[in-house]
């Protein structure tokens, strides 16, 4: 017999719950225009920590989706901010906001239907 006692699986949040929390935190930080930026950072940390646990499941695609959404939106927002000095950056900000909203909504709906999301 093994001396190691494992905790019952019911005491751990499911990967679906973890993904829902990550989507919610990301949306909270994004929709408050960075007022709750810590929520977005918490979502990114959750994604990095849970990626190995989700390997080989449909939830891995959602975690990758969230991470790529974060990284691309960060890049485009920084570039748009720099371009605001010549007054065309606001178009980039608007396009990035619409794109991130689309990705959050699409990913959330696919997660609720328990379907993987293509990247």
PDB file of N, CA and C in Angstrom:
ATOM      1  N   UNK A   1       0.828  -1.190   0.000  1.00  0.00           N
ATOM      2  CA  UNK A   1       0.000   0.000   0.000  1.00  0.00           C
ATOM      3  C   UNK A   1       0.867   1.246   0.000  1.00  0.00           C
ATOM      4  N   UNK A   2       0.351   2.257  -0.545  1.00  0.00           N
ATOM      5  CA  UNK A   2       1.065   3.525  -0.617  1.00  0.00           C
ATOM      6  C   UNK A   2       0.725   4.376   0.602  1.00  0.00           C
ATOM      7  N   UNK A   3       1.726   5.095   1.088  1.00  0.00           N
ATOM      8  CA  UNK A   3       1.507   5.994   2.221  1.00  0.00           C
ATOM      9  C   UNK A   3       0.984   7.349   1.785  1.00  0.00           C
ATOM     10  N   UNK A   4       0.972   7.615   0.491  1.00  0.00           N
ATOM     11  CA  UNK A   4       0.537   8.906  -0.022  1.00  0.00           C
ATOM     12  C   UNK A   4      -0.981   8.910  -0.116  1.00  0.00           C
ATOM     13  N   UNK A   5      -1.566   9.911   0.499  1.00  0.00           N
ATOM     14  CA  UNK A   5      -3.012  10.060   0.401  1.00  0.00           C
ATOM     15  C   UNK A   5      -3.313  11.165  -0.595  1.00  0.00           C
ATOM     16  N   UNK A   6      -4.202  10.858  -1.488  1.00  0.00           N
ATOM     17  CA  UNK A   6      -4.572  11.880  -2.462  1.00  0.00           C
ATOM     18  C   UNK A   6      -5.889  12.503  -2.044  1.00  0.00           C
ATOM     19  N   UNK A   7      -6.034  13.760  -2.423  1.00  0.00           N
ATOM     20  CA  UNK A   7      -7.286  14.431  -2.116  1.00  0.00           C
ATOM     21  C   UNK A   7      -8.332  13.982  -3.113  1.00  0.00           C
ATOM     22  N   UNK A   8      -9.560  13.920  -2.707  1.00  0.00           N
ATOM     23  CA  UNK A   8     -10.599  13.500  -3.636  1.00  0.00           C
ATOM     24  C   UNK A   8     -10.729  14.478  -4.795  1.00  0.00           C
ATOM     25  N   UNK A   9     -11.003  13.965  -5.996  1.00  0.00           N
ATOM     26  CA  UNK A   9     -11.092  14.844  -7.161  1.00  0.00           C
ATOM     27  C   UNK A   9     -12.145  15.932  -7.017  1.00  0.00           C
ATOM     28  N   UNK A  10     -13.151  15.707  -6.236  1.00  0.00           N
ATOM     29  CA  UNK A  10     -14.209  16.706  -6.108  1.00  0.00           C
ATOM     30  C   UNK A  10     -13.740  17.964  -5.380  1.00  0.00           C
ATOM     31  N   UNK A  11     -12.602  17.887  -4.682  1.00  0.00           N
ATOM     32  CA  UNK A  11     -12.112  19.062  -3.965  1.00  0.00           C
ATOM     33  C   UNK A  11     -11.334  20.011  -4.879  1.00  0.00           C
ATOM     34  N   UNK A  12     -11.011  19.569  -6.091  1.00  0.00           N
ATOM     35  CA  UNK A  12     -10.289  20.401  -7.052  1.00  0.00           C
ATOM     36  C   UNK A  12     -11.284  20.998  -8.046  1.00  0.00           C
ATOM     37  N   UNK A  13     -11.093  22.256  -8.398  1.00  0.00           N
ATOM     38  CA  UNK A  13     -11.996  22.826  -9.406  1.00  0.00           C
ATOM     39  C   UNK A  13     -11.763  22.139 -10.750  1.00  0.00           C
ATOM     40  N   UNK A  14     -12.812  21.938 -11.491  1.00  0.00           N
ATOM     41  CA  UNK A  14     -12.665  21.322 -12.806  1.00  0.00           C
ATOM     42  C   UNK A  14     -11.974  22.305 -13.747  1.00  0.00           C
ATOM     43  N   UNK A  15     -11.413  21.768 -14.801  1.00  0.00           N
ATOM     44  CA  UNK A  15     -10.746  22.634 -15.779  1.00  0.00           C
ATOM     45  C   UNK A  15     -11.742  23.575 -16.447  1.00  0.00           C
ATOM     46  N   UNK A  16     -12.984  23.132 -16.589  1.00  0.00           N
ATOM     47  CA  UNK A  16     -13.995  24.011 -17.167  1.00  0.00           C
ATOM     48  C   UNK A  16     -14.233  25.212 -16.254  1.00  0.00           C
ATOM     49  N   UNK A  17     -14.294  24.972 -14.947  1.00  0.00           N
ATOM     50  CA  UNK A  17     -14.473  26.058 -13.987  1.00  0.00           C
ATOM     51  C   UNK A  17     -13.277  27.004 -14.014  1.00  0.00           C
ATOM     52  N   UNK A  18     -12.098  26.448 -14.132  1.00  0.00           N
ATOM     53  CA  UNK A  18     -10.885  27.266 -14.204  1.00  0.00           C
ATOM     54  C   UNK A  18     -10.912  28.136 -15.460  1.00  0.00           C
ATOM     55  N   UNK A  19     -11.315  27.561 -16.584  1.00  0.00           N
ATOM     56  CA  UNK A  19     -11.410  28.345 -17.827  1.00  0.00           C
ATOM     57  C   UNK A  19     -12.469  29.429 -17.716  1.00  0.00           C
ATOM     58  N   UNK A  20     -13.606  29.103 -17.125  1.00  0.00           N
ATOM     59  CA  UNK A  20     -14.651  30.110 -16.922  1.00  0.00           C
ATOM     60  C   UNK A  20     -14.135  31.262 -16.064  1.00  0.00           C
ATOM     61  N   UNK A  21     -13.399  30.926 -15.013  1.00  0.00           N
ATOM     62  CA  UNK A  21     -12.836  31.962 -14.144  1.00  0.00           C
ATOM     63  C   UNK A  21     -11.839  32.823 -14.916  1.00  0.00           C
ATOM     64  N   UNK A  22     -11.016  32.189 -15.749  1.00  0.00           N
ATOM     65  CA  UNK A  22     -10.033  32.940 -16.532  1.00  0.00           C
ATOM     66  C   UNK A  22     -10.729  33.877 -17.524  1.00  0.00           C
ATOM     67  N   UNK A  23     -11.768  33.382 -18.201  1.00  0.00           N
ATOM     68  CA  UNK A  23     -12.527  34.253 -19.109  1.00  0.00           C
ATOM     69  C   UNK A  23     -13.147  35.419 -18.342  1.00  0.00           C
ATOM     70  N   UNK A  24     -13.723  35.126 -17.182  1.00  0.00           N
ATOM     71  CA  UNK A  24     -14.364  36.170 -16.385  1.00  0.00           C
ATOM     72  C   UNK A  24     -13.383  37.223 -15.906  1.00  0.00           C
ATOM     73  N   UNK A  25     -12.228  36.784 -15.420  1.00  0.00           N
ATOM     74  CA  UNK A  25     -11.215  37.730 -14.944  1.00  0.00           C
ATOM     75  C   UNK A  25     -10.670  38.577 -16.093  1.00  0.00           C
ATOM     76  N   UNK A  26     -10.422  37.930 -17.226  1.00  0.00           N
ATOM     77  CA  UNK A  26      -9.926  38.669 -18.386  1.00  0.00           C
ATOM     78  C   UNK A  26     -10.949  39.723 -18.798  1.00  0.00           C
ATOM     79  N   UNK A  27     -12.207  39.323 -18.876  1.00  0.00           N
ATOM     80  CA  UNK A  27     -13.267  40.264 -19.275  1.00  0.00           C
ATOM     81  C   UNK A  27     -13.410  41.396 -18.268  1.00  0.00           C
ATOM     82  N   UNK A  28     -13.311  41.092 -16.980  1.00  0.00           N
ATOM     83  CA  UNK A  28     -13.418  42.131 -15.952  1.00  0.00           C
ATOM     84  C   UNK A  28     -12.335  43.186 -16.135  1.00  0.00           C
ATOM     85  N   UNK A  29     -11.109  42.751 -16.301  1.00  0.00           N
ATOM     86  CA  UNK A  29     -10.015  43.702 -16.507  1.00  0.00           C
ATOM     87  C   UNK A  29     -10.151  44.469 -17.801  1.00  0.00           C
ATOM     88  N   UNK A  30     -10.610  43.795 -18.834  1.00  0.00           N
ATOM     89  CA  UNK A  30     -10.728  44.440 -20.142  1.00  0.00           C
ATOM     90  C   UNK A  30     -11.893  45.418 -20.183  1.00  0.00           C
ATOM     91  N   UNK A  31     -13.044  45.005 -19.704  1.00  0.00           N
ATOM     92  CA  UNK A  31     -14.238  45.845 -19.790  1.00  0.00           C
ATOM     93  C   UNK A  31     -14.197  47.052 -18.858  1.00  0.00           C
ATOM     94  N   UNK A  32     -13.336  47.032 -17.853  1.00  0.00           N
ATOM     95  CA  UNK A  32     -13.201  48.188 -16.974  1.00  0.00           C
ATOM     96  C   UNK A  32     -12.050  49.087 -17.436  1.00  0.00           C
ATOM     97  N   UNK A  33     -11.606  48.878 -18.661  1.00  0.00           N
ATOM     98  CA  UNK A  33     -10.526  49.677 -19.265  1.00  0.00           C
ATOM     99  C   UNK A  33      -9.276  49.721 -18.401  1.00  0.00           C
ATOM    100  N   UNK A  34      -8.976  48.622 -17.762  1.00  0.00           N
ATOM    101  CA  UNK A  34      -7.757  48.522 -16.974  1.00  0.00           C
ATOM    102  C   UNK A  34      -7.873  48.949 -15.536  1.00  0.00           C
ATOM    103  N   UNK A  35      -9.059  49.409 -15.107  1.00  0.00           N
ATOM    104  CA  UNK A  35      -9.224  49.783 -13.698  1.00  0.00           C
ATOM    105  C   UNK A  35      -8.951  48.564 -12.816  1.00  0.00           C
ATOM    106  N   UNK A  36      -9.432  47.423 -13.269  1.00  0.00           N
ATOM    107  CA  UNK A  36      -9.164  46.167 -12.575  1.00  0.00           C
ATOM    108  C   UNK A  36      -8.154  45.354 -13.373  1.00  0.00           C
ATOM    109  N   UNK A  37      -7.034  45.968 -13.718  1.00  0.00           N
ATOM    110  CA  UNK A  37      -6.001  45.304 -14.510  1.00  0.00           C
ATOM    111  C   UNK A  37      -5.455  44.074 -13.784  1.00  0.00           C
ATOM    112  N   UNK A  38      -5.514  44.087 -12.463  1.00  0.00           N
ATOM    113  CA  UNK A  38      -5.047  42.926 -11.704  1.00  0.00           C
ATOM    114  C   UNK A  38      -5.858  41.680 -12.065  1.00  0.00           C
ATOM    115  N   UNK A  39      -7.110  41.854 -12.466  1.00  0.00           N
ATOM    116  CA  UNK A  39      -7.947  40.715 -12.853  1.00  0.00           C
ATOM    117  C   UNK A  39      -7.409  40.075 -14.134  1.00  0.00           C
ATOM    118  N   UNK A  40      -7.007  40.899 -15.079  1.00  0.00           N
ATOM    119  CA  UNK A  40      -6.434  40.360 -16.311  1.00  0.00           C
ATOM    120  C   UNK A  40      -5.113  39.664 -16.021  1.00  0.00           C
ATOM    121  N   UNK A  41      -4.305  40.258 -15.165  1.00  0.00           N
ATOM    122  CA  UNK A  41      -3.044  39.611 -14.788  1.00  0.00           C
ATOM    123  C   UNK A  41      -3.294  38.292 -14.061  1.00  0.00           C
ATOM    124  N   UNK A  42      -4.315  38.250 -13.234  1.00  0.00           N
ATOM    125  CA  UNK A  42      -4.673  37.003 -12.547  1.00  0.00           C
ATOM    126  C   UNK A  42      -5.094  35.947 -13.561  1.00  0.00           C
ATOM    127  N   UNK A  43      -5.840  36.348 -14.588  1.00  0.00           N
ATOM    128  CA  UNK A  43      -6.246  35.406 -15.636  1.00  0.00           C
ATOM    129  C   UNK A  43      -5.030  34.846 -16.364  1.00  0.00           C
ATOM    130  N   UNK A  44      -4.070  35.696 -16.662  1.00  0.00           N
ATOM    131  CA  UNK A  44      -2.851  35.251 -17.345  1.00  0.00           C
ATOM    132  C   UNK A  44      -2.079  34.274 -16.469  1.00  0.00           C
ATOM    133  N   UNK A  45      -1.987  34.540 -15.185  1.00  0.00           N
ATOM    134  CA  UNK A  45      -1.301  33.632 -14.261  1.00  0.00           C
ATOM    135  C   UNK A  45      -2.024  32.290 -14.201  1.00  0.00           C
ATOM    136  N   UNK A  46      -3.346  32.320 -14.124  1.00  0.00           N
ATOM    137  CA  UNK A  46      -4.125  31.082 -14.098  1.00  0.00           C
ATOM    138  C   UNK A  46      -3.866  30.274 -15.368  1.00  0.00           C
ATOM    139  N   UNK A  47      -3.846  30.947 -16.507  1.00  0.00           N
ATOM    140  CA  UNK A  47      -3.612  30.265 -17.778  1.00  0.00           C
ATOM    141  C   UNK A  47      -2.245  29.587 -17.773  1.00  0.00           C
ATOM    142  N   UNK A  48      -1.214  30.301 -17.347  1.00  0.00           N
ATOM    143  CA  UNK A  48       0.121  29.713 -17.325  1.00  0.00           C
ATOM    144  C   UNK A  48       0.215  28.543 -16.352  1.00  0.00           C
ATOM    145  N   UNK A  49      -0.416  28.656 -15.200  1.00  0.00           N
ATOM    146  CA  UNK A  49      -0.330  27.593 -14.194  1.00  0.00           C
ATOM    147  C   UNK A  49      -1.114  26.353 -14.618  1.00  0.00           C
ATOM    148  N   UNK A  50      -2.264  26.544 -15.251  1.00  0.00           N
ATOM    149  CA  UNK A  50      -3.140  25.422 -15.583  1.00  0.00           C
ATOM    150  C   UNK A  50      -2.896  24.810 -16.960  1.00  0.00           C
ATOM    151  N   UNK A  51      -2.082  25.428 -17.775  1.00  0.00           N
ATOM    152  CA  UNK A  51      -1.818  24.877 -19.108  1.00  0.00           C
ATOM    153  C   UNK A  51      -1.326  23.431 -19.071  1.00  0.00           C
ATOM    154  N   UNK A  52      -0.355  23.086 -18.222  1.00  0.00           N
ATOM    155  CA  UNK A  52       0.099  21.683 -18.205  1.00  0.00           C
ATOM    156  C   UNK A  52      -1.005  20.706 -17.772  1.00  0.00           C
ATOM    157  N   UNK A  53      -1.864  21.117 -16.856  1.00  0.00           N
ATOM    158  CA  UNK A  53      -2.949  20.243 -16.407  1.00  0.00           C
ATOM    159  C   UNK A  53      -3.974  20.009 -17.512  1.00  0.00           C
ATOM    160  N   UNK A  54      -4.118  20.950 -18.406  1.00  0.00           N
ATOM    161  CA  UNK A  54      -5.141  20.871 -19.452  1.00  0.00           C
ATOM    162  C   UNK A  54      -4.630  20.211 -20.727  1.00  0.00           C
ATOM    163  N   UNK A  55      -3.365  19.865 -20.771  1.00  0.00           N
ATOM    164  CA  UNK A  55      -2.791  19.278 -21.987  1.00  0.00           C
ATOM    165  C   UNK A  55      -3.594  18.055 -22.426  1.00  0.00           C
ATOM    166  N   UNK A  56      -3.940  18.043 -23.709  1.00  0.00           N
ATOM    167  CA  UNK A  56      -4.670  16.917 -24.261  1.00  0.00           C
ATOM    168  C   UNK A  56      -6.179  16.981 -24.070  1.00  0.00           C
ATOM    169  N   UNK A  57      -6.674  18.078 -23.516  1.00  0.00           N
ATOM    170  CA  UNK A  57      -8.116  18.240 -23.329  1.00  0.00           C
ATOM    171  C   UNK A  57      -8.610  19.405 -24.186  1.00  0.00           C
ATOM    172  N   UNK A  58      -9.921  19.538 -24.265  1.00  0.00           N
ATOM    173  CA  UNK A  58     -10.461  20.678 -25.012  1.00  0.00           C
ATOM    174  C   UNK A  58     -10.147  21.992 -24.311  1.00  0.00           C
ATOM    175  N   UNK A  59      -9.886  21.918 -23.024  1.00  0.00           N
ATOM    176  CA  UNK A  59      -9.629  23.139 -22.256  1.00  0.00           C
ATOM    177  C   UNK A  59      -8.264  23.727 -22.575  1.00  0.00           C
ATOM    178  N   UNK A  60      -7.351  22.914 -23.082  1.00  0.00           N
ATOM    179  CA  UNK A  60      -6.044  23.430 -23.497  1.00  0.00           C
ATOM    180  C   UNK A  60      -6.222  24.447 -24.620  1.00  0.00           C
ATOM    181  N   UNK A  61      -7.154  24.175 -25.534  1.00  0.00           N
ATOM    182  CA  UNK A  61      -7.374  25.117 -26.639  1.00  0.00           C
ATOM    183  C   UNK A  61      -7.920  26.444 -26.118  1.00  0.00           C
ATOM    184  N   UNK A  62      -8.744  26.397 -25.084  1.00  0.00           N
ATOM    185  CA  UNK A  62      -9.288  27.632 -24.514  1.00  0.00           C
ATOM    186  C   UNK A  62      -8.211  28.425 -23.788  1.00  0.00           C
ATOM    187  N   UNK A  63      -7.334  27.736 -23.075  1.00  0.00           N
ATOM    188  CA  UNK A  63      -6.258  28.437 -22.378  1.00  0.00           C
ATOM    189  C   UNK A  63      -5.292  29.063 -23.381  1.00  0.00           C
ATOM    190  N   UNK A  64      -5.000  28.335 -24.465  1.00  0.00           N
ATOM    191  CA  UNK A  64      -4.151  28.899 -25.520  1.00  0.00           C
ATOM    192  C   UNK A  64      -4.829  30.089 -26.193  1.00  0.00           C
ATOM    193  N   UNK A  65      -6.132  29.989 -26.395  1.00  0.00           N
ATOM    194  CA  UNK A  65      -6.934  31.067 -27.003  1.00  0.00           C
ATOM    195  C   UNK A  65      -6.837  32.328 -26.145  1.00  0.00           C
ATOM    196  N   UNK A  66      -7.003  32.159 -24.840  1.00  0.00           N
ATOM    197  CA  UNK A  66      -6.927  33.313 -23.937  1.00  0.00           C
ATOM    198  C   UNK A  66      -5.535  33.924 -23.929  1.00  0.00           C
ATOM    199  N   UNK A  67      -4.511  33.074 -23.911  1.00  0.00           N
ATOM    200  CA  UNK A  67      -3.145  33.602 -23.876  1.00  0.00           C
ATOM    201  C   UNK A  67      -2.819  34.344 -25.167  1.00  0.00           C
ATOM    202  N   UNK A  68      -3.198  33.790 -26.312  1.00  0.00           N
ATOM    203  CA  UNK A  68      -2.903  34.486 -27.556  1.00  0.00           C
ATOM    204  C   UNK A  68      -3.723  35.770 -27.662  1.00  0.00           C
ATOM    205  N   UNK A  69      -4.945  35.760 -27.151  1.00  0.00           N
ATOM    206  CA  UNK A  69      -5.753  36.985 -27.134  1.00  0.00           C
ATOM    207  C   UNK A  69      -5.057  38.057 -26.302  1.00  0.00           C
ATOM    208  N   UNK A  70      -4.562  37.683 -25.143  1.00  0.00           N
ATOM    209  CA  UNK A  70      -3.884  38.643 -24.277  1.00  0.00           C
ATOM    210  C   UNK A  70      -2.635  39.206 -24.953  1.00  0.00           C
ATOM    211  N   UNK A  71      -1.793  38.323 -25.485  1.00  0.00           N
ATOM    212  CA  UNK A  71      -0.521  38.783 -26.058  1.00  0.00           C
ATOM    213  C   UNK A  71      -0.729  39.655 -27.295  1.00  0.00           C
ATOM    214  N   UNK A  72      -1.624  39.242 -28.198  1.00  0.00           N
ATOM    215  CA  UNK A  72      -1.875  40.043 -29.391  1.00  0.00           C
ATOM    216  C   UNK A  72      -2.541  41.368 -29.044  1.00  0.00           C
ATOM    217  N   UNK A  73      -3.481  41.345 -28.110  1.00  0.00           N
ATOM    218  CA  UNK A  73      -4.141  42.609 -27.748  1.00  0.00           C
ATOM    219  C   UNK A  73      -3.157  43.563 -27.081  1.00  0.00           C
ATOM    220  N   UNK A  74      -2.258  43.033 -26.280  1.00  0.00           N
ATOM    221  CA  UNK A  74      -1.233  43.873 -25.657  1.00  0.00           C
ATOM    222  C   UNK A  74      -0.355  44.518 -26.726  1.00  0.00           C
ATOM    223  N   UNK A  75       0.076  43.732 -27.702  1.00  0.00           N
ATOM    224  CA  UNK A  75       0.890  44.266 -28.792  1.00  0.00           C
ATOM    225  C   UNK A  75       0.150  45.363 -29.554  1.00  0.00           C
ATOM    226  N   UNK A  76      -1.098  45.076 -29.946  1.00  0.00           N
ATOM    227  CA  UNK A  76      -1.846  46.047 -30.746  1.00  0.00           C
ATOM    228  C   UNK A  76      -2.215  47.292 -29.951  1.00  0.00           C
ATOM    229  N   UNK A  77      -2.473  47.152 -28.658  1.00  0.00           N
ATOM    230  CA  UNK A  77      -2.777  48.341 -27.850  1.00  0.00           C
ATOM    231  C   UNK A  77      -1.545  49.219 -27.661  1.00  0.00           C
ATOM    232  N   UNK A  78      -0.386  48.603 -27.482  1.00  0.00           N
ATOM    233  CA  UNK A  78       0.848  49.393 -27.355  1.00  0.00           C
ATOM    234  C   UNK A  78       1.141  50.126 -28.661  1.00  0.00           C
ATOM    235  N   UNK A  79       1.037  49.413 -29.786  1.00  0.00           N
ATOM    236  CA  UNK A  79       1.266  50.070 -31.081  1.00  0.00           C
ATOM    237  C   UNK A  79       0.241  51.172 -31.332  1.00  0.00           C
ATOM    238  N   UNK A  80      -1.004  50.915 -30.988  1.00  0.00           N
ATOM    239  CA  UNK A  80      -2.048  51.929 -31.173  1.00  0.00           C
ATOM    240  C   UNK A  80      -1.784  53.148 -30.299  1.00  0.00           C
ATOM    241  N   UNK A  81      -1.339  52.897 -29.076  1.00  0.00           N
ATOM    242  CA  UNK A  81      -1.014  54.019 -28.188  1.00  0.00           C
ATOM    243  C   UNK A  81       0.087  54.884 -28.790  1.00  0.00           C
ATOM    244  N   UNK A  82       1.111  54.246 -29.326  1.00  0.00           N
ATOM    245  CA  UNK A  82       2.198  55.012 -29.948  1.00  0.00           C
ATOM    246  C   UNK A  82       1.707  55.797 -31.157  1.00  0.00           C
ATOM    247  N   UNK A  83       0.757  55.230 -31.891  1.00  0.00           N
ATOM    248  CA  UNK A  83       0.236  55.908 -33.084  1.00  0.00           C
ATOM    249  C   UNK A  83      -0.778  56.997 -32.754  1.00  0.00           C
ATOM    250  N   UNK A  84      -1.228  57.083 -31.507  1.00  0.00           N
ATOM    251  CA  UNK A  84      -2.163  58.160 -31.160  1.00  0.00           C
ATOM    252  C   UNK A  84      -1.501  59.524 -31.274  1.00  0.00           C
ATOM    253  N   UNK A  85      -0.192  59.559 -31.232  1.00  0.00           N
ATOM    254  CA  UNK A  85       0.505  60.838 -31.356  1.00  0.00           C
ATOM    255  C   UNK A  85       0.378  61.417 -32.763  1.00  0.00           C
ATOM    256  N   UNK A  86       0.061  60.578 -33.734  1.00  0.00           N
ATOM    257  CA  UNK A  86      -0.193  61.097 -35.078  1.00  0.00           C
ATOM    258  C   UNK A  86      -1.672  60.915 -35.441  1.00  0.00           C
ATOM    259  N   UNK A  87      -2.491  60.727 -34.423  1.00  0.00           N
ATOM    260  CA  UNK A  87      -3.953  60.734 -34.502  1.00  0.00           C
ATOM    261  C   UNK A  87      -4.602  59.587 -35.268  1.00  0.00           C
ATOM    262  N   UNK A  88      -3.850  58.549 -35.623  1.00  0.00           N
ATOM    263  CA  UNK A  88      -4.508  57.404 -36.248  1.00  0.00           C
ATOM    264  C   UNK A  88      -4.563  56.201 -35.309  1.00  0.00           C
ATOM    265  N   UNK A  89      -3.968  56.350 -34.148  1.00  0.00           N
ATOM    266  CA  UNK A  89      -3.933  55.250 -33.194  1.00  0.00           C
ATOM    267  C   UNK A  89      -5.289  54.890 -32.625  1.00  0.00           C
ATOM    268  N   UNK A  90      -6.197  55.868 -32.617  1.00  0.00           N
ATOM    269  CA  UNK A  90      -7.529  55.589 -32.053  1.00  0.00           C
ATOM    270  C   UNK A  90      -8.266  54.545 -32.870  1.00  0.00           C
ATOM    271  N   UNK A  91      -8.007  54.509 -34.157  1.00  0.00           N
ATOM    272  CA  UNK A  91      -8.605  53.470 -35.000  1.00  0.00           C
ATOM    273  C   UNK A  91      -8.099  52.086 -34.581  1.00  0.00           C
ATOM    274  N   UNK A  92      -6.827  52.014 -34.262  1.00  0.00           N
ATOM    275  CA  UNK A  92      -6.247  50.752 -33.786  1.00  0.00           C
ATOM    276  C   UNK A  92      -6.810  50.337 -32.448  1.00  0.00           C
ATOM    277  N   UNK A  93      -7.011  51.305 -31.564  1.00  0.00           N
ATOM    278  CA  UNK A  93      -7.596  50.998 -30.252  1.00  0.00           C
ATOM    279  C   UNK A  93      -9.009  50.450 -30.428  1.00  0.00           C
ATOM    280  N   UNK A  94      -9.799  51.096 -31.265  1.00  0.00           N
ATOM    281  CA  UNK A  94     -11.178  50.654 -31.494  1.00  0.00           C
ATOM    282  C   UNK A  94     -11.186  49.253 -32.115  1.00  0.00           C
ATOM    283  N   UNK A  95     -10.333  49.025 -33.098  1.00  0.00           N
ATOM    284  CA  UNK A  95     -10.266  47.713 -33.743  1.00  0.00           C
ATOM    285  C   UNK A  95      -9.838  46.636 -32.745  1.00  0.00           C
ATOM    286  N   UNK A  96      -8.893  46.955 -31.885  1.00  0.00           N
ATOM    287  CA  UNK A  96      -8.431  45.990 -30.892  1.00  0.00           C
ATOM    288  C   UNK A  96      -9.527  45.677 -29.890  1.00  0.00           C
ATOM    289  N   UNK A  97     -10.260  46.677 -29.450  1.00  0.00           N
ATOM    290  CA  UNK A  97     -11.358  46.460 -28.498  1.00  0.00           C
ATOM    291  C   UNK A  97     -12.416  45.544 -29.106  1.00  0.00           C
ATOM    292  N   UNK A  98     -12.799  45.803 -30.335  1.00  0.00           N
ATOM    293  CA  UNK A  98     -13.804  44.966 -31.002  1.00  0.00           C
ATOM    294  C   UNK A  98     -13.280  43.541 -31.160  1.00  0.00           C
ATOM    295  N   UNK A  99     -12.034  43.390 -31.548  1.00  0.00           N
ATOM    296  CA  UNK A  99     -11.426  42.070 -31.749  1.00  0.00           C
ATOM    297  C   UNK A  99     -11.376  41.281 -30.449  1.00  0.00           C
ATOM    298  N   UNK A 100     -10.971  41.923 -29.356  1.00  0.00           N
ATOM    299  CA  UNK A 100     -10.898  41.232 -28.065  1.00  0.00           C
ATOM    300  C   UNK A 100     -12.289  40.836 -27.593  1.00  0.00           C
ATOM    301  N   UNK A 101     -13.262  41.716 -27.741  1.00  0.00           N
ATOM    302  CA  UNK A 101     -14.642  41.364 -27.375  1.00  0.00           C
ATOM    303  C   UNK A 101     -15.120  40.152 -28.165  1.00  0.00           C
ATOM    304  N   UNK A 102     -14.860  40.142 -29.447  1.00  0.00           N
ATOM    305  CA  UNK A 102     -15.233  39.001 -30.289  1.00  0.00           C
ATOM    306  C   UNK A 102     -14.602  37.714 -29.764  1.00  0.00           C
ATOM    307  N   UNK A 103     -13.304  37.761 -29.474  1.00  0.00           N
ATOM    308  CA  UNK A 103     -12.606  36.551 -29.020  1.00  0.00           C
ATOM    309  C   UNK A 103     -13.089  36.098 -27.649  1.00  0.00           C
ATOM    310  N   UNK A 104     -13.356  37.019 -26.743  1.00  0.00           N
ATOM    311  CA  UNK A 104     -13.864  36.635 -25.430  1.00  0.00           C
ATOM    312  C   UNK A 104     -15.251  36.007 -25.539  1.00  0.00           C
ATOM    313  N   UNK A 105     -16.116  36.610 -26.330  1.00  0.00           N
ATOM    314  CA  UNK A 105     -17.477  36.086 -26.470  1.00  0.00           C
ATOM    315  C   UNK A 105     -17.466  34.734 -27.180  1.00  0.00           C
ATOM    316  N   UNK A 106     -16.717  34.633 -28.274  1.00  0.00           N
ATOM    317  CA  UNK A 106     -16.649  33.367 -29.009  1.00  0.00           C
ATOM    318  C   UNK A 106     -16.080  32.261 -28.122  1.00  0.00           C
ATOM    319  N   UNK A 107     -14.993  32.538 -27.438  1.00  0.00           N
ATOM    320  CA  UNK A 107     -14.373  31.537 -26.571  1.00  0.00           C
ATOM    321  C   UNK A 107     -15.292  31.112 -25.441  1.00  0.00           C
ATOM    322  N   UNK A 108     -15.955  32.075 -24.819  1.00  0.00           N
ATOM    323  CA  UNK A 108     -16.869  31.767 -23.721  1.00  0.00           C
ATOM    324  C   UNK A 108     -18.018  30.887 -24.205  1.00  0.00           C
ATOM    325  N   UNK A 109     -18.607  31.230 -25.334  1.00  0.00           N
ATOM    326  CA  UNK A 109     -19.725  30.440 -25.863  1.00  0.00           C
ATOM    327  C   UNK A 109     -19.286  29.027 -26.235  1.00  0.00           C
ATOM    328  N   UNK A 110     -18.112  28.888 -26.804  1.00  0.00           N
ATOM    329  CA  UNK A 110     -17.604  27.551 -27.131  1.00  0.00           C
ATOM    330  C   UNK A 110     -17.328  26.754 -25.862  1.00  0.00           C
ATOM    331  N   UNK A 111     -16.837  27.421 -24.818  1.00  0.00           N
ATOM    332  CA  UNK A 111     -16.572  26.738 -23.549  1.00  0.00           C
ATOM    333  C   UNK A 111     -17.864  26.273 -22.898  1.00  0.00           C
ATOM    334  N   UNK A 112     -18.884  27.104 -22.919  1.00  0.00           N
ATOM    335  CA  UNK A 112     -20.171  26.735 -22.344  1.00  0.00           C
ATOM    336  C   UNK A 112     -20.752  25.515 -23.067  1.00  0.00           C
ATOM    337  N   UNK A 113     -20.527  25.429 -24.385  1.00  0.00           N
ATOM    338  CA  UNK A 113     -20.986  24.280 -25.154  1.00  0.00           C
ATOM    339  C   UNK A 113     -20.030  23.094 -25.065  1.00  0.00           C
ATOM    340  N   UNK A 114     -18.962  23.241 -24.290  1.00  0.00           N
ATOM    341  CA  UNK A 114     -17.925  22.218 -24.098  1.00  0.00           C
ATOM    342  C   UNK A 114     -17.338  21.767 -25.434  1.00  0.00           C
ATOM    343  N   UNK A 115     -16.976  22.751 -26.249  1.00  0.00           N
ATOM    344  CA  UNK A 115     -16.344  22.494 -27.532  1.00  0.00           C
ATOM    345  C   UNK A 115     -14.961  23.124 -27.534  1.00  0.00           C
ATOM    346  N   UNK A 116     -14.007  22.495 -28.214  1.00  0.00           N
ATOM    347  CA  UNK A 116     -12.677  23.126 -28.333  1.00  0.00           C
ATOM    348  C   UNK A 116     -12.763  24.311 -29.272  1.00  0.00           C
ATOM    349  N   UNK A 117     -11.815  25.184 -29.137  1.00  0.00           N
ATOM    350  CA  UNK A 117     -11.794  26.359 -29.993  1.00  0.00           C
ATOM    351  C   UNK A 117     -10.534  26.311 -30.848  1.00  0.00           C
ATOM    352  N   UNK A 118     -10.668  26.613 -32.121  1.00  0.00           N
ATOM    353  CA  UNK A 118      -9.517  26.611 -33.018  1.00  0.00           C
ATOM    354  C   UNK A 118      -8.768  27.907 -32.913  1.00  0.00           C
ATOM    355  N   UNK A 119      -7.472  27.802 -33.048  1.00  0.00           N
ATOM    356  CA  UNK A 119      -6.652  29.013 -32.933  1.00  0.00           C
ATOM    357  C   UNK A 119      -6.276  29.504 -34.296  1.00  0.00           C
TER     358      UNK A 119
END
